Amino acid sequence: MTEDERLKNLDTISRLRGQSFIRKAYAGYRRDWDHDHCALCWVKIAEPSMAGDGMIHEGYAVTEAYEKGADYEWVCSSCFDVAKDKMSWRDATP
């Protein structure tokens, strides 16, 4: 996916507008979750113990301020960098 294509899809993730994110290693939102997908490009973000082509193991997770709680939504680093200004995202990484 090119940067332009990702930016065209921002309306599909309007629920994330204005959110704060923390960059970290992936950890499932619930015990039975071992992966998520980037909310924008859909790359698989998975537990570090999982291996696979095209899979990543860290990204930006929403903070506890998100309506469904911390770590419920994930964005890969590349998409975060591309969309942060247009989506008014804040990097709250300590």
N, C-alpha and C. Protein backbone atom coordinates (compact mmCIF):
# COMPACT_ATOMS: atom_id res chain seq x y z
N MET A 1 0.84 -1.18 0.00
CA MET A 1 0.00 0.00 0.00
C MET A 1 0.89 1.25 0.00
N THR A 2 0.60 2.18 -0.85
CA THR A 2 1.40 3.41 -0.88
C THR A 2 0.88 4.37 0.18
N GLU A 3 1.68 5.37 0.47
CA GLU A 3 1.25 6.37 1.45
C GLU A 3 -0.05 7.02 1.04
N ASP A 4 -0.19 7.32 -0.25
CA ASP A 4 -1.42 7.98 -0.72
C ASP A 4 -2.64 7.10 -0.46
N GLU A 5 -2.53 5.81 -0.69
CA GLU A 5 -3.65 4.91 -0.45
C GLU A 5 -4.03 4.89 1.03
N ARG A 6 -3.03 4.87 1.90
CA ARG A 6 -3.32 4.87 3.33
C ARG A 6 -4.05 6.15 3.73
N LEU A 7 -3.62 7.26 3.22
CA LEU A 7 -4.24 8.53 3.58
C LEU A 7 -5.67 8.62 3.04
N LYS A 8 -5.95 7.95 1.95
CA LYS A 8 -7.31 7.93 1.40
C LYS A 8 -8.26 7.16 2.31
N ASN A 9 -7.73 6.27 3.15
CA ASN A 9 -8.55 5.41 3.99
C ASN A 9 -8.76 5.95 5.41
N LEU A 10 -8.36 7.16 5.68
CA LEU A 10 -8.46 7.69 7.04
C LEU A 10 -9.90 7.77 7.55
N ASP A 11 -10.85 7.96 6.65
CA ASP A 11 -12.24 8.04 7.10
C ASP A 11 -12.73 6.71 7.67
N THR A 12 -12.07 5.59 7.32
CA THR A 12 -12.48 4.28 7.84
C THR A 12 -12.04 4.09 9.29
N ILE A 13 -11.17 4.95 9.77
CA ILE A 13 -10.70 4.84 11.17
C ILE A 13 -10.98 6.12 11.95
N SER A 14 -12.06 6.78 11.62
CA SER A 14 -12.39 8.05 12.28
C SER A 14 -12.52 7.89 13.79
N ARG A 15 -12.84 6.67 14.27
CA ARG A 15 -12.95 6.41 15.70
C ARG A 15 -11.62 6.66 16.43
N LEU A 16 -10.52 6.70 15.67
CA LEU A 16 -9.20 6.90 16.27
C LEU A 16 -8.72 8.35 16.22
N ARG A 17 -9.50 9.21 15.62
CA ARG A 17 -9.09 10.62 15.52
C ARG A 17 -8.89 11.21 16.92
N GLY A 18 -7.75 11.88 17.11
CA GLY A 18 -7.45 12.56 18.37
C GLY A 18 -6.96 11.65 19.49
N GLN A 19 -6.70 10.39 19.19
CA GLN A 19 -6.28 9.46 20.24
C GLN A 19 -4.79 9.59 20.57
N SER A 20 -4.43 9.16 21.77
CA SER A 20 -3.04 9.05 22.19
C SER A 20 -2.62 7.60 22.05
N PHE A 21 -1.37 7.41 21.66
CA PHE A 21 -0.82 6.07 21.45
C PHE A 21 0.51 5.93 22.17
N ILE A 22 0.84 4.69 22.50
CA ILE A 22 2.14 4.36 23.09
C ILE A 22 2.80 3.31 22.21
N ARG A 23 4.05 3.56 21.82
CA ARG A 23 4.79 2.58 21.03
C ARG A 23 5.32 1.51 21.97
N LYS A 24 5.06 0.24 21.62
CA LYS A 24 5.50 -0.86 22.46
C LYS A 24 5.41 -2.19 21.74
N ALA A 25 5.96 -3.21 22.38
CA ALA A 25 5.85 -4.58 21.87
C ALA A 25 4.40 -5.02 21.99
N TYR A 26 3.95 -5.82 21.05
CA TYR A 26 2.56 -6.26 21.05
C TYR A 26 2.27 -7.16 22.25
N ALA A 27 1.14 -6.93 22.86
CA ALA A 27 0.57 -7.80 23.89
C ALA A 27 -0.92 -7.81 23.65
N GLY A 28 -1.51 -8.98 23.64
CA GLY A 28 -2.93 -9.11 23.34
C GLY A 28 -3.82 -8.38 24.32
N TYR A 29 -4.91 -7.85 23.80
CA TYR A 29 -5.90 -7.14 24.61
C TYR A 29 -6.56 -8.09 25.60
N ARG A 30 -6.77 -9.31 25.16
CA ARG A 30 -7.33 -10.36 26.01
C ARG A 30 -6.46 -11.59 25.92
N ARG A 31 -6.64 -12.51 26.84
CA ARG A 31 -5.84 -13.74 26.86
C ARG A 31 -5.90 -14.54 25.56
N ASP A 32 -7.05 -14.54 24.92
CA ASP A 32 -7.24 -15.35 23.72
C ASP A 32 -6.84 -14.62 22.43
N TRP A 33 -6.26 -13.43 22.54
CA TRP A 33 -5.78 -12.70 21.36
C TRP A 33 -4.27 -12.85 21.28
N ASP A 34 -3.76 -13.35 20.15
CA ASP A 34 -2.31 -13.43 19.97
C ASP A 34 -1.83 -12.49 18.89
N HIS A 35 -2.76 -11.79 18.25
CA HIS A 35 -2.37 -10.79 17.25
C HIS A 35 -3.52 -9.79 17.04
N ASP A 36 -3.17 -8.70 16.39
CA ASP A 36 -4.10 -7.69 15.93
C ASP A 36 -3.65 -7.31 14.53
N HIS A 37 -4.31 -6.33 13.96
CA HIS A 37 -3.90 -5.80 12.66
C HIS A 37 -3.82 -4.29 12.77
N CYS A 38 -2.90 -3.71 12.01
CA CYS A 38 -2.84 -2.25 11.95
C CYS A 38 -4.20 -1.75 11.48
N ALA A 39 -4.73 -0.78 12.18
CA ALA A 39 -6.05 -0.25 11.85
C ALA A 39 -6.09 0.39 10.47
N LEU A 40 -4.94 0.75 9.92
CA LEU A 40 -4.91 1.44 8.64
C LEU A 40 -4.48 0.55 7.47
N CYS A 41 -3.38 -0.17 7.59
CA CYS A 41 -2.88 -0.96 6.46
C CYS A 41 -3.13 -2.46 6.61
N TRP A 42 -3.56 -2.87 7.79
CA TRP A 42 -3.95 -4.24 8.09
C TRP A 42 -2.79 -5.23 8.22
N VAL A 43 -1.55 -4.74 8.36
CA VAL A 43 -0.42 -5.65 8.61
C VAL A 43 -0.67 -6.34 9.95
N LYS A 44 -0.25 -7.61 10.06
CA LYS A 44 -0.44 -8.37 11.29
C LYS A 44 0.60 -7.95 12.32
N ILE A 45 0.13 -7.58 13.51
CA ILE A 45 0.98 -7.23 14.65
C ILE A 45 0.74 -8.33 15.68
N ALA A 46 1.80 -9.07 16.04
CA ALA A 46 1.60 -10.29 16.82
C ALA A 46 2.55 -10.39 18.01
N GLU A 47 2.20 -11.32 18.88
CA GLU A 47 3.06 -11.65 20.02
C GLU A 47 4.47 -11.95 19.51
N PRO A 48 5.49 -11.55 20.27
CA PRO A 48 6.87 -11.80 19.84
C PRO A 48 7.19 -13.28 19.59
N SER A 49 6.46 -14.18 20.22
CA SER A 49 6.72 -15.61 20.05
C SER A 49 6.20 -16.14 18.71
N MET A 50 5.37 -15.39 18.04
CA MET A 50 4.84 -15.81 16.74
C MET A 50 5.78 -15.38 15.62
N ALA A 51 5.91 -16.23 14.62
CA ALA A 51 6.77 -15.92 13.48
C ALA A 51 5.94 -16.03 12.20
N GLY A 52 6.30 -15.25 11.21
CA GLY A 52 5.62 -15.31 9.93
C GLY A 52 6.03 -14.19 9.03
N ASP A 53 5.93 -14.43 7.75
CA ASP A 53 6.29 -13.41 6.76
C ASP A 53 5.38 -12.20 6.89
N GLY A 54 5.98 -11.03 6.87
CA GLY A 54 5.23 -9.80 6.90
C GLY A 54 4.65 -9.43 8.25
N MET A 55 4.92 -10.24 9.25
CA MET A 55 4.39 -10.00 10.59
C MET A 55 5.35 -9.09 11.36
N ILE A 56 4.78 -8.16 12.14
CA ILE A 56 5.61 -7.32 12.99
C ILE A 56 5.23 -7.57 14.45
N HIS A 57 6.09 -7.13 15.37
CA HIS A 57 5.88 -7.45 16.78
C HIS A 57 5.79 -6.24 17.69
N GLU A 58 5.77 -5.06 17.09
CA GLU A 58 5.56 -3.84 17.88
C GLU A 58 4.87 -2.81 17.02
N GLY A 59 4.28 -1.85 17.68
CA GLY A 59 3.58 -0.78 16.99
C GLY A 59 3.09 0.22 18.00
N TYR A 60 2.08 0.95 17.64
CA TYR A 60 1.48 1.96 18.52
C TYR A 60 0.11 1.46 18.97
N ALA A 61 -0.08 1.40 20.27
CA ALA A 61 -1.36 0.97 20.84
C ALA A 61 -2.06 2.16 21.48
N VAL A 62 -3.39 2.17 21.39
CA VAL A 62 -4.14 3.23 22.06
C VAL A 62 -3.92 3.13 23.57
N THR A 63 -4.08 4.25 24.25
CA THR A 63 -3.91 4.30 25.69
C THR A 63 -5.22 3.97 26.40
N GLU A 64 -5.19 3.99 27.71
CA GLU A 64 -6.38 3.69 28.52
C GLU A 64 -7.49 4.73 28.31
N ALA A 65 -7.16 5.87 27.71
CA ALA A 65 -8.18 6.88 27.44
C ALA A 65 -9.15 6.46 26.33
N TYR A 66 -8.78 5.48 25.53
CA TYR A 66 -9.65 5.01 24.44
C TYR A 66 -10.89 4.34 25.04
N GLU A 67 -12.03 4.51 24.41
CA GLU A 67 -13.31 4.03 24.96
C GLU A 67 -13.31 2.53 25.30
N LYS A 68 -12.53 1.73 24.60
CA LYS A 68 -12.49 0.29 24.88
C LYS A 68 -11.24 -0.10 25.67
N GLY A 69 -10.44 0.88 26.05
CA GLY A 69 -9.29 0.63 26.89
C GLY A 69 -7.97 0.53 26.14
N ALA A 70 -6.91 0.49 26.91
CA ALA A 70 -5.55 0.42 26.37
C ALA A 70 -5.36 -0.86 25.57
N ASP A 71 -4.60 -0.75 24.50
CA ASP A 71 -4.18 -1.87 23.65
C ASP A 71 -5.31 -2.46 22.80
N TYR A 72 -6.47 -1.82 22.77
CA TYR A 72 -7.57 -2.37 21.97
C TYR A 72 -7.35 -2.15 20.47
N GLU A 73 -6.76 -1.04 20.11
CA GLU A 73 -6.48 -0.71 18.70
C GLU A 73 -4.98 -0.52 18.53
N TRP A 74 -4.48 -0.97 17.39
CA TRP A 74 -3.05 -0.88 17.07
C TRP A 74 -2.85 -0.24 15.70
N VAL A 75 -1.74 0.48 15.57
CA VAL A 75 -1.32 1.07 14.31
C VAL A 75 0.16 0.78 14.15
N CYS A 76 0.58 0.32 12.97
CA CYS A 76 2.01 0.06 12.76
C CYS A 76 2.76 1.39 12.75
N SER A 77 4.06 1.33 12.96
CA SER A 77 4.89 2.54 13.04
C SER A 77 4.84 3.35 11.76
N SER A 78 4.85 2.66 10.64
CA SER A 78 4.83 3.35 9.35
C SER A 78 3.53 4.14 9.17
N CYS A 79 2.42 3.53 9.45
CA CYS A 79 1.13 4.22 9.32
C CYS A 79 0.99 5.33 10.35
N PHE A 80 1.51 5.12 11.54
CA PHE A 80 1.45 6.17 12.56
C PHE A 80 2.15 7.42 12.05
N ASP A 81 3.35 7.23 11.50
CA ASP A 81 4.12 8.37 11.00
C ASP A 81 3.41 9.09 9.86
N VAL A 82 2.78 8.33 8.98
CA VAL A 82 2.11 8.91 7.82
C VAL A 82 0.83 9.66 8.21
N ALA A 83 0.09 9.13 9.18
CA ALA A 83 -1.24 9.66 9.47
C ALA A 83 -1.34 10.53 10.72
N LYS A 84 -0.30 10.59 11.54
CA LYS A 84 -0.42 11.25 12.86
C LYS A 84 -0.89 12.69 12.78
N ASP A 85 -0.39 13.46 11.85
CA ASP A 85 -0.80 14.87 11.78
C ASP A 85 -2.25 15.01 11.31
N LYS A 86 -2.62 14.30 10.28
CA LYS A 86 -3.99 14.37 9.76
C LYS A 86 -5.02 13.83 10.74
N MET A 87 -4.61 12.88 11.59
CA MET A 87 -5.53 12.27 12.55
C MET A 87 -5.42 12.87 13.95
N SER A 88 -4.52 13.86 14.12
CA SER A 88 -4.30 14.50 15.41
C SER A 88 -3.94 13.48 16.49
N TRP A 89 -3.07 12.53 16.12
CA TRP A 89 -2.61 11.52 17.08
C TRP A 89 -1.47 12.09 17.91
N ARG A 90 -1.42 11.65 19.15
CA ARG A 90 -0.36 12.07 20.06
C ARG A 90 0.46 10.86 20.46
N ASP A 91 1.77 10.97 20.37
CA ASP A 91 2.67 9.91 20.83
C ASP A 91 2.90 10.11 22.33
N ALA A 92 2.33 9.24 23.14
CA ALA A 92 2.44 9.33 24.59
C ALA A 92 3.46 8.33 25.14
N THR A 93 4.35 7.85 24.27
CA THR A 93 5.37 6.90 24.70
C THR A 93 6.25 7.55 25.76
N PRO A 94 6.41 6.87 26.91
CA PRO A 94 7.24 7.47 27.96
C PRO A 94 8.70 7.58 27.56
